[in-house]
C-alpha cells in the first residue's frame, strides 16, 4: 500500500484528551447521593452537555436516571465554543423531584 502524500497528514498518536473526565467515577458518586446536584465544571464546553443529554456518555445516560442542568450559558465568540456551568444528579426511577 502506498503512503498517503498530502500536506498535514501523517502517522502519530493523538494528543491527550483535554477534558479527561472519569464518567464512571462521577456516575458512582452521583448514585451514592441520589437527588443531589454535583457541579462538574464551570465555563466548560456545551458540547459535553449535549453529549450527556443525547445519551452519548454511556455512564450518564438520561434513560438510566441521570439528569443535567446548566447555568451561566454564554454565547461563543467567533471561533470559540459556547460555554456553561454543568451540574448533574442521579434520580432513582420513580423519584423525580
C-alpha atoms as a PDB file:
ATOM      1  CA  UNK A   1       0.000   0.000   0.000  1.00  0.00           C
ATOM      2  CA  UNK A   2       1.388   3.410  -0.939  1.00  0.00           C
ATOM      3  CA  UNK A   3       1.901   6.104   1.686  1.00  0.00           C
ATOM      4  CA  UNK A   4      -0.575   8.970   1.598  1.00  0.00           C
ATOM      5  CA  UNK A   5       1.095  12.079   0.213  1.00  0.00           C
ATOM      6  CA  UNK A   6      -0.770  15.180   1.359  1.00  0.00           C
ATOM      7  CA  UNK A   7       0.037  18.199   3.473  1.00  0.00           C
ATOM      8  CA  UNK A   8      -0.866  17.779   7.140  1.00  0.00           C
ATOM      9  CA  UNK A   9      -1.362  14.016   7.012  1.00  0.00           C
ATOM     10  CA  UNK A  10       0.949  11.756   8.986  1.00  0.00           C
ATOM     11  CA  UNK A  11       1.054   8.849  11.416  1.00  0.00           C
ATOM     12  CA  UNK A  12       1.172   9.949  15.054  1.00  0.00           C
ATOM     13  CA  UNK A  13      -0.510   9.383  18.408  1.00  0.00           C
ATOM     14  CA  UNK A  14      -3.360  11.791  19.185  1.00  0.00           C
ATOM     15  CA  UNK A  15      -2.760  14.326  21.924  1.00  0.00           C
ATOM     16  CA  UNK A  16      -4.313  13.555  25.316  1.00  0.00           C
ATOM     17  CA  UNK A  17      -7.979  14.450  25.770  1.00  0.00           C
ATOM     18  CA  UNK A  18      -8.470  17.985  27.028  1.00  0.00           C
ATOM     19  CA  UNK A  19     -11.356  17.027  29.287  1.00  0.00           C
ATOM     20  CA  UNK A  20     -10.383  13.680  30.723  1.00  0.00           C
ATOM     21  CA  UNK A  21     -13.496  13.209  32.851  1.00  0.00           C
ATOM     22  CA  UNK A  22     -13.835   9.872  34.630  1.00  0.00           C
ATOM     23  CA  UNK A  23     -17.537   9.459  33.863  1.00  0.00           C
ATOM     24  CA  UNK A  24     -17.789   6.073  35.613  1.00  0.00           C
ATOM     25  CA  UNK A  25     -16.445   7.568  38.834  1.00  0.00           C
ATOM     26  CA  UNK A  26     -18.761  10.568  38.545  1.00  0.00           C
ATOM     27  CA  UNK A  27     -21.746   8.257  37.990  1.00  0.00           C
ATOM     28  CA  UNK A  28     -20.824   6.242  41.095  1.00  0.00           C
ATOM     29  CA  UNK A  29     -20.580   9.415  43.189  1.00  0.00           C
ATOM     30  CA  UNK A  30     -23.972  10.604  41.937  1.00  0.00           C
ATOM     31  CA  UNK A  31     -25.591   7.244  42.720  1.00  0.00           C
ATOM     32  CA  UNK A  32     -24.172   7.414  46.246  1.00  0.00           C
ATOM     33  CA  UNK A  33     -26.042  10.702  46.804  1.00  0.00           C
ATOM     34  CA  UNK A  34     -29.264  10.464  44.772  1.00  0.00           C
ATOM     35  CA  UNK A  35     -31.168  13.669  44.187  1.00  0.00           C
ATOM     36  CA  UNK A  36     -28.197  15.952  44.980  1.00  0.00           C
ATOM     37  CA  UNK A  37     -26.650  18.153  42.287  1.00  0.00           C
ATOM     38  CA  UNK A  38     -22.913  17.865  41.631  1.00  0.00           C
ATOM     39  CA  UNK A  39     -21.104  20.680  39.810  1.00  0.00           C
ATOM     40  CA  UNK A  40     -18.941  19.101  37.110  1.00  0.00           C
ATOM     41  CA  UNK A  41     -17.371  22.207  35.625  1.00  0.00           C
ATOM     42  CA  UNK A  42     -17.568  25.978  35.268  1.00  0.00           C
ATOM     43  CA  UNK A  43     -17.166  27.568  31.862  1.00  0.00           C
ATOM     44  CA  UNK A  44     -16.888  24.250  30.063  1.00  0.00           C
ATOM     45  CA  UNK A  45     -17.981  23.473  26.520  1.00  0.00           C
ATOM     46  CA  UNK A  46     -21.686  22.945  25.881  1.00  0.00           C
ATOM     47  CA  UNK A  47     -20.752  20.098  23.522  1.00  0.00           C
ATOM     48  CA  UNK A  48     -20.057  17.946  26.604  1.00  0.00           C
ATOM     49  CA  UNK A  49     -23.533  18.733  27.932  1.00  0.00           C
ATOM     50  CA  UNK A  50     -25.128  17.880  24.598  1.00  0.00           C
ATOM     51  CA  UNK A  51     -23.317  14.546  24.548  1.00  0.00           C
ATOM     52  CA  UNK A  52     -24.633  13.680  28.009  1.00  0.00           C
ATOM     53  CA  UNK A  53     -28.185  14.789  27.225  1.00  0.00           C
ATOM     54  CA  UNK A  54     -28.187  12.801  23.986  1.00  0.00           C
ATOM     55  CA  UNK A  55     -27.100   9.639  25.811  1.00  0.00           C
ATOM     56  CA  UNK A  56     -23.654   9.532  24.203  1.00  0.00           C
ATOM     57  CA  UNK A  57     -21.897   9.235  27.576  1.00  0.00           C
ATOM     58  CA  UNK A  58     -22.742   5.649  28.490  1.00  0.00           C
ATOM     59  CA  UNK A  59     -22.152   6.094  32.242  1.00  0.00           C
ATOM     60  CA  UNK A  60     -24.589   9.049  32.486  1.00  0.00           C
ATOM     61  CA  UNK A  61     -27.472   8.232  30.173  1.00  0.00           C
ATOM     62  CA  UNK A  62     -30.737  10.033  30.993  1.00  0.00           C
ATOM     63  CA  UNK A  63     -32.650   6.771  30.493  1.00  0.00           C
ATOM     64  CA  UNK A  64     -30.702   5.353  33.468  1.00  0.00           C
ATOM     65  CA  UNK A  65     -31.814   8.161  35.803  1.00  0.00           C
ATOM     66  CA  UNK A  66     -29.183  10.851  35.261  1.00  0.00           C
ATOM     67  CA  UNK A  67     -30.239  14.475  34.836  1.00  0.00           C
ATOM     68  CA  UNK A  68     -28.270  17.525  33.795  1.00  0.00           C
ATOM     69  CA  UNK A  69     -28.789  21.253  34.013  1.00  0.00           C
ATOM     70  CA  UNK A  70     -26.665  24.238  33.083  1.00  0.00           C
ATOM     71  CA  UNK A  71     -26.134  27.760  34.337  1.00  0.00           C
ATOM     72  CA  UNK A  72     -24.189  30.772  33.055  1.00  0.00           C
ATOM     73  CA  UNK A  73     -24.629  29.800  29.419  1.00  0.00           C
ATOM     74  CA  UNK A  74     -22.505  32.098  27.272  1.00  0.00           C
ATOM     75  CA  UNK A  75     -22.639  32.679  23.555  1.00  0.00           C
ATOM     76  CA  UNK A  76     -19.441  31.892  21.776  1.00  0.00           C
ATOM     77  CA  UNK A  77     -17.131  34.482  20.394  1.00  0.00           C
ATOM     78  CA  UNK A  78     -16.289  33.784  16.758  1.00  0.00           C
ATOM     79  CA  UNK A  79     -14.108  30.697  16.590  1.00  0.00           C
ATOM     80  CA  UNK A  80     -14.689  29.677  20.226  1.00  0.00           C
ATOM     81  CA  UNK A  81     -17.113  27.133  21.740  1.00  0.00           C
ATOM     82  CA  UNK A  82     -20.237  28.070  23.699  1.00  0.00           C
ATOM     83  CA  UNK A  83     -19.665  27.609  27.424  1.00  0.00           C
ATOM     84  CA  UNK A  84     -21.676  26.895  30.574  1.00  0.00           C
ATOM     85  CA  UNK A  85     -21.533  25.521  34.099  1.00  0.00           C
ATOM     86  CA  UNK A  86     -22.654  21.877  34.207  1.00  0.00           C
ATOM     87  CA  UNK A  87     -24.493  20.181  37.079  1.00  0.00           C
ATOM     88  CA  UNK A  88     -25.517  16.527  37.205  1.00  0.00           C
ATOM     89  CA  UNK A  89     -27.623  14.409  39.526  1.00  0.00           C
ATOM     90  CA  UNK A  90     -28.929  10.874  39.765  1.00  0.00           C
ATOM     91  CA  UNK A  91     -32.611  10.347  40.450  1.00  0.00           C
ATOM     92  CA  UNK A  92     -33.828   6.875  41.313  1.00  0.00           C
ATOM     93  CA  UNK A  93     -36.511   5.793  38.903  1.00  0.00           C
ATOM     94  CA  UNK A  94     -39.939   6.922  40.062  1.00  0.00           C
ATOM     95  CA  UNK A  95     -38.484   9.510  42.485  1.00  0.00           C
ATOM     96  CA  UNK A  96     -38.068  12.702  40.420  1.00  0.00           C
ATOM     97  CA  UNK A  97     -38.355  15.935  42.371  1.00  0.00           C
END
